[in-house]
């Protein structure tokens, strides 16, 4: 099982964040300025905070309300499993961060 779920959604280790940062760098062709592992971690923490705020809004407004935030669906996958699309947690992090870096 992937690291995120093995850690029970706990803190990823520095080496995991380094792996994410390296994948982002390579996915951008290895030529653009790279994001550090710390930058990636902070960005994901901010995204998770925004996700919780959007989720709260969704719950308050009830059925029929859907968050307009473009990363909401990806964050739902990351926070609630990701198995729906067969993606690993680190792959979801990669996808989210690549969307933001563009």
N, C-alpha and C. Protein backbone atom coordinates (compact mmCIF):
# COMPACT_ATOMS: atom_id res chain seq x y z
N UNK A 1 0.85 -1.18 0.00
CA UNK A 1 0.00 0.00 0.00
C UNK A 1 0.89 1.23 0.00
N UNK A 2 0.39 2.27 -0.58
CA UNK A 2 1.21 3.47 -0.72
C UNK A 2 1.51 4.16 0.61
N UNK A 3 2.54 5.00 0.58
CA UNK A 3 3.05 5.62 1.81
C UNK A 3 2.00 6.42 2.56
N UNK A 4 1.21 7.20 1.84
CA UNK A 4 0.21 8.06 2.48
C UNK A 4 -0.73 7.25 3.35
N UNK A 5 -1.20 6.14 2.82
CA UNK A 5 -2.15 5.33 3.56
C UNK A 5 -1.46 4.47 4.60
N UNK A 6 -0.21 4.09 4.35
CA UNK A 6 0.56 3.37 5.36
C UNK A 6 0.79 4.27 6.57
N UNK A 7 0.99 5.54 6.31
CA UNK A 7 1.20 6.49 7.40
C UNK A 7 -0.13 6.98 7.98
N UNK A 8 -1.22 6.40 7.49
CA UNK A 8 -2.57 6.78 7.92
C UNK A 8 -2.77 8.29 7.78
N UNK A 9 -2.39 8.77 6.60
CA UNK A 9 -2.50 10.19 6.25
C UNK A 9 -1.70 11.08 7.19
N UNK A 10 -0.69 10.52 7.81
CA UNK A 10 0.19 11.29 8.68
C UNK A 10 1.20 12.06 7.87
N UNK A 11 2.21 12.52 8.54
CA UNK A 11 3.24 13.31 7.90
C UNK A 11 4.11 12.45 6.99
N UNK A 12 4.32 12.92 5.78
CA UNK A 12 5.26 12.25 4.90
C UNK A 12 6.66 12.61 5.37
N UNK A 13 7.59 11.73 5.15
CA UNK A 13 8.98 11.96 5.54
C UNK A 13 9.66 12.86 4.52
N UNK A 14 10.79 13.44 4.93
CA UNK A 14 11.54 14.34 4.06
C UNK A 14 11.89 13.67 2.74
N UNK A 15 12.23 12.40 2.77
CA UNK A 15 12.60 11.71 1.54
C UNK A 15 11.42 11.59 0.59
N UNK A 16 10.20 11.49 1.11
CA UNK A 16 9.01 11.44 0.26
C UNK A 16 8.81 12.78 -0.43
N UNK A 17 9.00 13.88 0.32
CA UNK A 17 8.85 15.20 -0.27
C UNK A 17 9.93 15.46 -1.30
N UNK A 18 11.12 14.93 -1.05
CA UNK A 18 12.21 15.06 -2.02
C UNK A 18 11.85 14.32 -3.31
N UNK A 19 11.22 13.17 -3.16
CA UNK A 19 10.77 12.39 -4.32
C UNK A 19 9.74 13.18 -5.13
N UNK A 20 8.80 13.82 -4.43
CA UNK A 20 7.78 14.63 -5.10
C UNK A 20 8.46 15.78 -5.85
N UNK A 21 9.37 16.49 -5.18
CA UNK A 21 10.06 17.62 -5.81
C UNK A 21 10.85 17.17 -7.04
N UNK A 22 11.50 16.02 -6.95
CA UNK A 22 12.26 15.50 -8.10
C UNK A 22 11.34 15.14 -9.26
N UNK A 23 10.19 14.56 -8.96
CA UNK A 23 9.25 14.22 -10.03
C UNK A 23 8.70 15.47 -10.70
N UNK A 24 8.44 16.51 -9.91
CA UNK A 24 7.97 17.77 -10.47
C UNK A 24 9.04 18.34 -11.40
N UNK A 25 10.28 18.32 -10.94
CA UNK A 25 11.39 18.84 -11.74
C UNK A 25 11.51 18.07 -13.06
N UNK A 26 11.46 16.76 -12.99
CA UNK A 26 11.60 15.94 -14.20
C UNK A 26 10.38 16.10 -15.11
N UNK A 27 9.20 16.24 -14.54
CA UNK A 27 7.99 16.41 -15.34
C UNK A 27 7.98 17.74 -16.08
N UNK A 28 8.70 18.72 -15.54
CA UNK A 28 8.82 20.02 -16.20
C UNK A 28 9.98 20.04 -17.19
N UNK A 29 10.53 18.88 -17.50
CA UNK A 29 11.60 18.78 -18.46
C UNK A 29 12.99 18.93 -17.88
N UNK A 30 13.07 19.11 -16.57
CA UNK A 30 14.36 19.24 -15.92
C UNK A 30 15.10 20.52 -16.24
N UNK A 31 14.40 21.47 -16.88
CA UNK A 31 15.09 22.69 -17.27
C UNK A 31 14.60 23.92 -16.51
N UNK A 32 13.39 23.87 -16.04
CA UNK A 32 12.83 25.02 -15.31
C UNK A 32 13.36 25.01 -13.88
N UNK A 33 13.34 26.17 -13.22
CA UNK A 33 13.76 26.19 -11.82
C UNK A 33 12.90 25.22 -11.01
N UNK A 34 13.57 24.43 -10.22
CA UNK A 34 12.88 23.39 -9.47
C UNK A 34 12.28 23.93 -8.18
N UNK A 35 11.20 23.32 -7.75
CA UNK A 35 10.63 23.61 -6.45
C UNK A 35 11.33 22.71 -5.45
N UNK A 36 11.64 23.25 -4.29
CA UNK A 36 12.29 22.45 -3.26
C UNK A 36 11.25 21.54 -2.60
N UNK A 37 11.74 20.56 -1.88
CA UNK A 37 10.84 19.66 -1.16
C UNK A 37 10.03 20.43 -0.12
N UNK A 38 10.64 21.42 0.50
CA UNK A 38 9.94 22.24 1.51
C UNK A 38 8.85 23.08 0.84
N UNK A 39 9.16 23.64 -0.34
CA UNK A 39 8.15 24.42 -1.07
C UNK A 39 6.96 23.53 -1.44
N UNK A 40 7.23 22.32 -1.88
CA UNK A 40 6.16 21.38 -2.24
C UNK A 40 5.32 21.05 -1.02
N UNK A 41 5.97 20.79 0.10
CA UNK A 41 5.25 20.46 1.33
C UNK A 41 4.36 21.62 1.76
N UNK A 42 4.89 22.84 1.74
CA UNK A 42 4.10 24.00 2.15
C UNK A 42 2.93 24.23 1.21
N UNK A 43 3.15 24.05 -0.08
CA UNK A 43 2.07 24.23 -1.05
C UNK A 43 0.95 23.22 -0.79
N UNK A 44 1.31 21.98 -0.54
CA UNK A 44 0.29 20.96 -0.28
C UNK A 44 -0.44 21.25 1.02
N UNK A 45 0.26 21.73 2.03
CA UNK A 45 -0.40 22.10 3.29
C UNK A 45 -1.42 23.21 3.05
N UNK A 46 -1.06 24.19 2.23
CA UNK A 46 -2.00 25.28 1.90
C UNK A 46 -3.19 24.75 1.11
N UNK A 47 -2.93 23.83 0.18
CA UNK A 47 -4.02 23.23 -0.60
C UNK A 47 -4.95 22.44 0.29
N UNK A 48 -4.40 21.71 1.25
CA UNK A 48 -5.23 20.93 2.17
C UNK A 48 -6.10 21.84 3.03
N UNK A 49 -5.53 22.99 3.44
CA UNK A 49 -6.30 23.96 4.22
C UNK A 49 -7.46 24.49 3.38
N UNK A 50 -7.16 24.87 2.14
CA UNK A 50 -8.21 25.37 1.25
C UNK A 50 -9.26 24.30 1.00
N UNK A 51 -8.83 23.05 0.85
CA UNK A 51 -9.77 21.95 0.64
C UNK A 51 -10.73 21.84 1.83
N UNK A 52 -10.19 21.92 3.04
CA UNK A 52 -11.05 21.81 4.22
C UNK A 52 -12.06 22.96 4.26
N UNK A 53 -11.63 24.16 3.87
CA UNK A 53 -12.54 25.30 3.82
C UNK A 53 -13.64 25.09 2.78
N UNK A 54 -13.26 24.61 1.60
CA UNK A 54 -14.24 24.35 0.54
C UNK A 54 -15.20 23.23 0.95
N UNK A 55 -14.68 22.21 1.60
CA UNK A 55 -15.51 21.09 2.07
C UNK A 55 -16.53 21.59 3.09
N UNK A 56 -16.08 22.46 3.99
CA UNK A 56 -16.97 23.04 5.00
C UNK A 56 -18.08 23.86 4.32
N UNK A 57 -17.71 24.65 3.32
CA UNK A 57 -18.71 25.43 2.57
C UNK A 57 -19.73 24.51 1.90
N UNK A 58 -19.23 23.43 1.32
CA UNK A 58 -20.10 22.47 0.65
C UNK A 58 -21.10 21.87 1.64
N UNK A 59 -20.61 21.53 2.83
CA UNK A 59 -21.49 20.96 3.86
C UNK A 59 -22.50 21.98 4.36
N UNK A 60 -22.08 23.23 4.52
CA UNK A 60 -22.98 24.28 5.01
C UNK A 60 -24.07 24.61 4.00
N UNK A 61 -23.70 24.64 2.72
CA UNK A 61 -24.67 25.04 1.69
C UNK A 61 -25.56 23.90 1.24
N UNK A 62 -25.18 22.69 1.55
CA UNK A 62 -26.04 21.54 1.31
C UNK A 62 -26.00 20.98 -0.10
N UNK A 63 -26.97 20.11 -0.33
CA UNK A 63 -27.07 19.39 -1.60
C UNK A 63 -27.24 20.40 -2.74
N UNK A 64 -26.55 20.13 -3.82
CA UNK A 64 -26.66 20.99 -4.99
C UNK A 64 -25.51 21.97 -5.11
N UNK A 65 -24.79 22.20 -4.01
CA UNK A 65 -23.64 23.11 -4.10
C UNK A 65 -22.40 22.30 -4.44
N UNK A 66 -21.68 22.79 -5.40
CA UNK A 66 -20.43 22.16 -5.79
C UNK A 66 -19.35 23.23 -5.81
N UNK A 67 -18.24 22.95 -5.19
CA UNK A 67 -17.15 23.92 -5.11
C UNK A 67 -16.66 24.30 -6.50
N UNK A 68 -16.49 25.60 -6.74
CA UNK A 68 -15.96 26.06 -8.03
C UNK A 68 -14.42 25.99 -8.09
N UNK A 69 -13.78 25.69 -6.98
CA UNK A 69 -12.31 25.65 -6.91
C UNK A 69 -11.80 24.57 -7.85
N UNK A 70 -10.91 24.89 -8.78
CA UNK A 70 -10.49 23.93 -9.80
C UNK A 70 -9.75 22.69 -9.27
N UNK A 71 -9.19 22.76 -8.08
CA UNK A 71 -8.43 21.62 -7.54
C UNK A 71 -9.24 20.78 -6.56
N UNK A 72 -10.52 21.11 -6.40
CA UNK A 72 -11.34 20.42 -5.42
C UNK A 72 -11.42 18.92 -5.71
N UNK A 73 -11.68 18.54 -6.95
CA UNK A 73 -11.80 17.12 -7.29
C UNK A 73 -10.52 16.35 -7.04
N UNK A 74 -9.39 16.94 -7.38
CA UNK A 74 -8.11 16.28 -7.12
C UNK A 74 -7.85 16.15 -5.63
N UNK A 75 -8.22 17.17 -4.87
CA UNK A 75 -8.01 17.11 -3.43
C UNK A 75 -8.95 16.09 -2.78
N UNK A 76 -10.16 15.96 -3.31
CA UNK A 76 -11.07 14.91 -2.81
C UNK A 76 -10.42 13.55 -3.01
N UNK A 77 -9.87 13.33 -4.20
CA UNK A 77 -9.18 12.06 -4.47
C UNK A 77 -8.05 11.84 -3.49
N UNK A 78 -7.26 12.88 -3.23
CA UNK A 78 -6.11 12.72 -2.35
C UNK A 78 -6.54 12.50 -0.90
N UNK A 79 -7.51 13.26 -0.44
CA UNK A 79 -7.93 13.17 0.95
C UNK A 79 -8.80 11.95 1.24
N UNK A 80 -9.58 11.54 0.25
CA UNK A 80 -10.55 10.48 0.52
C UNK A 80 -10.21 9.16 -0.15
N UNK A 81 -9.01 9.04 -0.65
CA UNK A 81 -8.63 7.73 -1.15
C UNK A 81 -7.87 7.68 -2.44
N UNK A 82 -8.38 8.29 -3.47
CA UNK A 82 -7.70 8.23 -4.75
C UNK A 82 -7.85 6.91 -5.47
N UNK A 83 -8.39 5.91 -4.79
CA UNK A 83 -8.53 4.61 -5.42
C UNK A 83 -9.56 4.63 -6.54
N UNK A 84 -10.44 5.63 -6.51
CA UNK A 84 -11.46 5.72 -7.56
C UNK A 84 -10.83 5.76 -8.94
N UNK A 85 -9.66 6.40 -9.05
CA UNK A 85 -8.99 6.51 -10.34
C UNK A 85 -7.72 5.69 -10.37
N UNK A 86 -7.46 4.91 -9.32
CA UNK A 86 -6.28 4.06 -9.29
C UNK A 86 -4.97 4.82 -9.20
N UNK A 87 -4.98 5.99 -8.57
CA UNK A 87 -3.78 6.81 -8.48
C UNK A 87 -3.17 6.71 -7.09
N UNK A 88 -1.85 6.70 -7.03
CA UNK A 88 -1.18 6.70 -5.73
C UNK A 88 -1.19 8.11 -5.17
N UNK A 89 -0.98 8.23 -3.88
CA UNK A 89 -0.96 9.53 -3.23
C UNK A 89 0.15 10.42 -3.81
N UNK A 90 1.31 9.87 -3.96
CA UNK A 90 2.42 10.67 -4.50
C UNK A 90 2.13 11.11 -5.93
N UNK A 91 1.45 10.27 -6.70
CA UNK A 91 1.09 10.65 -8.07
C UNK A 91 0.07 11.79 -8.04
N UNK A 92 -0.88 11.73 -7.11
CA UNK A 92 -1.86 12.81 -6.97
C UNK A 92 -1.18 14.12 -6.58
N UNK A 93 -0.21 14.03 -5.65
CA UNK A 93 0.54 15.23 -5.27
C UNK A 93 1.24 15.82 -6.49
N UNK A 94 1.81 14.95 -7.28
CA UNK A 94 2.51 15.35 -8.49
C UNK A 94 1.55 16.08 -9.44
N UNK A 95 0.39 15.49 -9.67
CA UNK A 95 -0.61 16.08 -10.58
C UNK A 95 -1.03 17.46 -10.09
N UNK A 96 -1.33 17.56 -8.81
CA UNK A 96 -1.79 18.82 -8.24
C UNK A 96 -0.72 19.89 -8.35
N UNK A 97 0.50 19.54 -7.97
CA UNK A 97 1.59 20.51 -8.01
C UNK A 97 1.93 20.92 -9.43
N UNK A 98 1.86 19.98 -10.36
CA UNK A 98 2.13 20.32 -11.77
C UNK A 98 1.08 21.28 -12.31
N UNK A 99 -0.17 21.10 -11.90
CA UNK A 99 -1.24 22.00 -12.33
C UNK A 99 -0.97 23.43 -11.86
N UNK A 100 -0.45 23.55 -10.65
CA UNK A 100 -0.21 24.86 -10.08
C UNK A 100 1.03 25.50 -10.66
N UNK A 101 2.05 24.70 -10.96
CA UNK A 101 3.30 25.22 -11.49
C UNK A 101 3.12 25.79 -12.89
N UNK A 102 2.18 25.26 -13.66
CA UNK A 102 1.97 25.70 -15.05
C UNK A 102 1.67 27.17 -15.14
